[in-house]
């Protein structure tokens, strides 16, 4: 059976599907998928959903959709708290998103929280103390934060 006639329709379907995922409808569908289950009922499902929200936040982060990323990260933090394996990493991303949206005080506060907890020791994806301190000092100096 010759399936070469299906090659282009399949390629087009994949491209359209990926394009749809970049839209608000696609992001909302993925968000709904990762928030459908109630947290605390099934530990494995919580782990998958927390990881899914983190990946979705990373996806919107790379699309420069800062407000959507903030909402997704806050949902993850509210639902799973510090027990989530991506908690500290999500907090650092949150600081960056706050900075990109002009909420410099919130960004500074999150960076201070990360430094106080020595978050790099708990998650190596988070910048070390010196890096976080430099970012916080830059924000404080540039925007005259208290």
C-alpha atoms as a PDB file:
ATOM      1  CA  UNK A   1       0.000   0.000   0.000  1.00  0.00           C
ATOM      2  CA  UNK A   2       1.434   3.369  -1.030  1.00  0.00           C
ATOM      3  CA  UNK A   3       1.028   5.971   1.727  1.00  0.00           C
ATOM      4  CA  UNK A   4       3.122   8.690   0.070  1.00  0.00           C
ATOM      5  CA  UNK A   5      -0.068  10.597  -0.769  1.00  0.00           C
ATOM      6  CA  UNK A   6      -0.646  11.125   2.958  1.00  0.00           C
ATOM      7  CA  UNK A   7       2.716  12.764   3.559  1.00  0.00           C
ATOM      8  CA  UNK A   8       1.732  16.377   2.797  1.00  0.00           C
ATOM      9  CA  UNK A   9      -1.693  16.302   4.486  1.00  0.00           C
ATOM     10  CA  UNK A  10      -0.007  14.841   7.573  1.00  0.00           C
ATOM     11  CA  UNK A  11       2.723  17.515   7.550  1.00  0.00           C
ATOM     12  CA  UNK A  12       0.098  20.257   7.168  1.00  0.00           C
ATOM     13  CA  UNK A  13      -1.979  18.801  10.024  1.00  0.00           C
ATOM     14  CA  UNK A  14       1.071  18.751  12.322  1.00  0.00           C
ATOM     15  CA  UNK A  15       2.017  22.344  11.450  1.00  0.00           C
ATOM     16  CA  UNK A  16      -1.563  23.554  12.000  1.00  0.00           C
ATOM     17  CA  UNK A  17      -1.750  21.651  15.308  1.00  0.00           C
ATOM     18  CA  UNK A  18       1.487  23.167  16.568  1.00  0.00           C
ATOM     19  CA  UNK A  19       0.341  26.608  15.419  1.00  0.00           C
ATOM     20  CA  UNK A  20      -2.946  26.156  17.295  1.00  0.00           C
ATOM     21  CA  UNK A  21      -1.062  25.307  20.489  1.00  0.00           C
ATOM     22  CA  UNK A  22       0.623  28.737  20.289  1.00  0.00           C
ATOM     23  CA  UNK A  23      -2.770  30.476  20.370  1.00  0.00           C
ATOM     24  CA  UNK A  24      -4.710  31.356  23.484  1.00  0.00           C
ATOM     25  CA  UNK A  25      -7.122  28.517  22.722  1.00  0.00           C
ATOM     26  CA  UNK A  26      -4.303  25.984  22.664  1.00  0.00           C
ATOM     27  CA  UNK A  27      -2.721  27.320  25.843  1.00  0.00           C
ATOM     28  CA  UNK A  28      -6.115  27.349  27.581  1.00  0.00           C
ATOM     29  CA  UNK A  29      -6.744  23.749  26.499  1.00  0.00           C
ATOM     30  CA  UNK A  30      -3.387  22.635  27.935  1.00  0.00           C
ATOM     31  CA  UNK A  31      -4.011  24.674  31.108  1.00  0.00           C
ATOM     32  CA  UNK A  32      -7.393  22.981  31.549  1.00  0.00           C
ATOM     33  CA  UNK A  33      -5.804  19.581  31.050  1.00  0.00           C
ATOM     34  CA  UNK A  34      -3.239  20.204  33.824  1.00  0.00           C
ATOM     35  CA  UNK A  35      -5.733  21.704  36.284  1.00  0.00           C
ATOM     36  CA  UNK A  36      -8.609  19.245  35.784  1.00  0.00           C
ATOM     37  CA  UNK A  37      -7.711  16.978  38.717  1.00  0.00           C
ATOM     38  CA  UNK A  38      -8.032  18.091  42.311  1.00  0.00           C
ATOM     39  CA  UNK A  39      -4.649  18.434  43.999  1.00  0.00           C
ATOM     40  CA  UNK A  40      -3.888  16.137  46.925  1.00  0.00           C
ATOM     41  CA  UNK A  41      -6.019  13.226  45.709  1.00  0.00           C
ATOM     42  CA  UNK A  42      -3.489  11.297  43.625  1.00  0.00           C
ATOM     43  CA  UNK A  43       0.201  11.967  44.211  1.00  0.00           C
ATOM     44  CA  UNK A  44       1.287  10.704  40.770  1.00  0.00           C
ATOM     45  CA  UNK A  45      -1.330  12.855  39.044  1.00  0.00           C
ATOM     46  CA  UNK A  46      -0.207  15.866  41.092  1.00  0.00           C
ATOM     47  CA  UNK A  47       3.382  15.252  40.021  1.00  0.00           C
ATOM     48  CA  UNK A  48       2.352  15.061  36.336  1.00  0.00           C
ATOM     49  CA  UNK A  49       0.127  18.126  36.553  1.00  0.00           C
ATOM     50  CA  UNK A  50       2.775  20.203  38.348  1.00  0.00           C
ATOM     51  CA  UNK A  51       5.332  19.205  35.705  1.00  0.00           C
ATOM     52  CA  UNK A  52       2.802  19.960  32.967  1.00  0.00           C
ATOM     53  CA  UNK A  53       2.097  23.430  34.343  1.00  0.00           C
ATOM     54  CA  UNK A  54       5.841  24.069  34.561  1.00  0.00           C
ATOM     55  CA  UNK A  55       6.323  23.024  30.934  1.00  0.00           C
ATOM     56  CA  UNK A  56       3.336  25.113  29.863  1.00  0.00           C
ATOM     57  CA  UNK A  57       4.779  28.102  31.730  1.00  0.00           C
ATOM     58  CA  UNK A  58       8.072  27.504  29.936  1.00  0.00           C
ATOM     59  CA  UNK A  59       6.239  27.357  26.623  1.00  0.00           C
ATOM     60  CA  UNK A  60       4.444  30.666  27.192  1.00  0.00           C
ATOM     61  CA  UNK A  61       7.673  32.123  28.609  1.00  0.00           C
ATOM     62  CA  UNK A  62       9.476  31.358  25.350  1.00  0.00           C
ATOM     63  CA  UNK A  63       6.585  32.927  23.415  1.00  0.00           C
ATOM     64  CA  UNK A  64       7.081  36.099  25.514  1.00  0.00           C
ATOM     65  CA  UNK A  65       3.557  35.842  26.894  1.00  0.00           C
ATOM     66  CA  UNK A  66       4.587  37.171  30.294  1.00  0.00           C
ATOM     67  CA  UNK A  67       1.114  37.658  31.781  1.00  0.00           C
ATOM     68  CA  UNK A  68       0.031  34.146  30.790  1.00  0.00           C
ATOM     69  CA  UNK A  69       3.253  32.760  32.268  1.00  0.00           C
ATOM     70  CA  UNK A  70       2.638  34.624  35.530  1.00  0.00           C
ATOM     71  CA  UNK A  71      -0.891  33.193  35.755  1.00  0.00           C
ATOM     72  CA  UNK A  72       0.281  29.648  35.047  1.00  0.00           C
ATOM     73  CA  UNK A  73       3.140  29.813  37.541  1.00  0.00           C
ATOM     74  CA  UNK A  74       0.898  31.295  40.226  1.00  0.00           C
ATOM     75  CA  UNK A  75      -1.600  28.491  39.645  1.00  0.00           C
ATOM     76  CA  UNK A  76       1.167  25.919  40.054  1.00  0.00           C
ATOM     77  CA  UNK A  77       2.467  27.598  43.212  1.00  0.00           C
ATOM     78  CA  UNK A  78      -1.041  27.861  44.688  1.00  0.00           C
ATOM     79  CA  UNK A  79      -1.948  24.254  43.894  1.00  0.00           C
ATOM     80  CA  UNK A  80       1.286  22.487  44.832  1.00  0.00           C
ATOM     81  CA  UNK A  81       3.297  24.861  47.028  1.00  0.00           C
ATOM     82  CA  UNK A  82       6.857  24.042  47.997  1.00  0.00           C
ATOM     83  CA  UNK A  83       6.452  20.282  47.634  1.00  0.00           C
ATOM     84  CA  UNK A  84       6.420  20.604  43.830  1.00  0.00           C
ATOM     85  CA  UNK A  85       9.793  19.639  42.338  1.00  0.00           C
ATOM     86  CA  UNK A  86       9.772  22.780  40.177  1.00  0.00           C
ATOM     87  CA  UNK A  87       8.816  25.247  42.925  1.00  0.00           C
ATOM     88  CA  UNK A  88      12.089  27.177  43.104  1.00  0.00           C
ATOM     89  CA  UNK A  89      12.601  27.130  39.342  1.00  0.00           C
ATOM     90  CA  UNK A  90       9.088  28.508  38.834  1.00  0.00           C
ATOM     91  CA  UNK A  91       9.755  31.251  41.368  1.00  0.00           C
ATOM     92  CA  UNK A  92      12.840  32.383  39.460  1.00  0.00           C
ATOM     93  CA  UNK A  93      10.866  32.453  36.209  1.00  0.00           C
ATOM     94  CA  UNK A  94       8.176  34.409  38.019  1.00  0.00           C
ATOM     95  CA  UNK A  95      10.733  37.051  39.030  1.00  0.00           C
ATOM     96  CA  UNK A  96      11.809  37.398  35.397  1.00  0.00           C
ATOM     97  CA  UNK A  97       8.212  37.707  34.187  1.00  0.00           C
ATOM     98  CA  UNK A  98       7.424  40.359  36.798  1.00  0.00           C
ATOM     99  CA  UNK A  99      10.453  42.293  35.617  1.00  0.00           C
ATOM    100  CA  UNK A 100       9.426  42.007  31.963  1.00  0.00           C
ATOM    101  CA  UNK A 101       5.925  43.309  32.753  1.00  0.00           C
ATOM    102  CA  UNK A 102       7.273  46.264  34.728  1.00  0.00           C
ATOM    103  CA  UNK A 103       6.331  44.996  38.196  1.00  0.00           C
ATOM    104  CA  UNK A 104       9.831  45.595  39.542  1.00  0.00           C
ATOM    105  CA  UNK A 105       8.884  45.507  43.223  1.00  0.00           C
ATOM    106  CA  UNK A 106       7.334  42.030  42.904  1.00  0.00           C
ATOM    107  CA  UNK A 107      10.363  40.831  40.964  1.00  0.00           C
ATOM    108  CA  UNK A 108      12.669  42.195  43.642  1.00  0.00           C
ATOM    109  CA  UNK A 109      10.596  40.551  46.399  1.00  0.00           C
ATOM    110  CA  UNK A 110      10.729  37.148  44.691  1.00  0.00           C
ATOM    111  CA  UNK A 111      14.489  37.436  44.162  1.00  0.00           C
ATOM    112  CA  UNK A 112      14.927  38.273  47.857  1.00  0.00           C
ATOM    113  CA  UNK A 113      12.826  35.215  48.765  1.00  0.00           C
ATOM    114  CA  UNK A 114      14.994  33.010  46.557  1.00  0.00           C
ATOM    115  CA  UNK A 115      18.156  34.379  48.169  1.00  0.00           C
ATOM    116  CA  UNK A 116      16.798  33.967  51.706  1.00  0.00           C
ATOM    117  CA  UNK A 117      15.944  30.331  51.006  1.00  0.00           C
ATOM    118  CA  UNK A 118      19.254  29.686  49.215  1.00  0.00           C
ATOM    119  CA  UNK A 119      17.163  28.220  46.396  1.00  0.00           C
ATOM    120  CA  UNK A 120      20.160  27.236  44.277  1.00  0.00           C
ATOM    121  CA  UNK A 121      21.004  24.574  46.854  1.00  0.00           C
ATOM    122  CA  UNK A 122      17.541  23.044  46.406  1.00  0.00           C
ATOM    123  CA  UNK A 123      17.325  23.390  42.616  1.00  0.00           C
ATOM    124  CA  UNK A 124      20.441  23.843  40.509  1.00  0.00           C
ATOM    125  CA  UNK A 125      18.398  25.462  37.713  1.00  0.00           C
ATOM    126  CA  UNK A 126      18.005  28.525  39.928  1.00  0.00           C
ATOM    127  CA  UNK A 127      20.802  31.064  39.807  1.00  0.00           C
ATOM    128  CA  UNK A 128      23.296  31.065  42.656  1.00  0.00           C
ATOM    129  CA  UNK A 129      23.184  33.595  45.480  1.00  0.00           C
ATOM    130  CA  UNK A 130      25.573  36.019  43.766  1.00  0.00           C
ATOM    131  CA  UNK A 131      23.545  35.991  40.549  1.00  0.00           C
ATOM    132  CA  UNK A 132      20.257  36.550  42.379  1.00  0.00           C
ATOM    133  CA  UNK A 133      21.812  39.272  44.525  1.00  0.00           C
ATOM    134  CA  UNK A 134      23.171  41.055  41.455  1.00  0.00           C
ATOM    135  CA  UNK A 135      19.743  40.980  39.777  1.00  0.00           C
ATOM    136  CA  UNK A 136      18.033  42.268  42.920  1.00  0.00           C
ATOM    137  CA  UNK A 137      20.623  45.029  43.421  1.00  0.00           C
ATOM    138  CA  UNK A 138      20.209  46.120  39.802  1.00  0.00           C
ATOM    139  CA  UNK A 139      16.439  46.353  40.230  1.00  0.00           C
ATOM    140  CA  UNK A 140      16.771  48.230  43.510  1.00  0.00           C
ATOM    141  CA  UNK A 141      19.228  50.720  42.028  1.00  0.00           C
ATOM    142  CA  UNK A 142      17.557  51.267  38.641  1.00  0.00           C
ATOM    143  CA  UNK A 143      14.028  51.644  39.947  1.00  0.00           C
ATOM    144  CA  UNK A 144      14.825  53.098  43.406  1.00  0.00           C
ATOM    145  CA  UNK A 145      13.048  50.293  45.247  1.00  0.00           C
ATOM    146  CA  UNK A 146      12.927  50.247  49.058  1.00  0.00           C
END
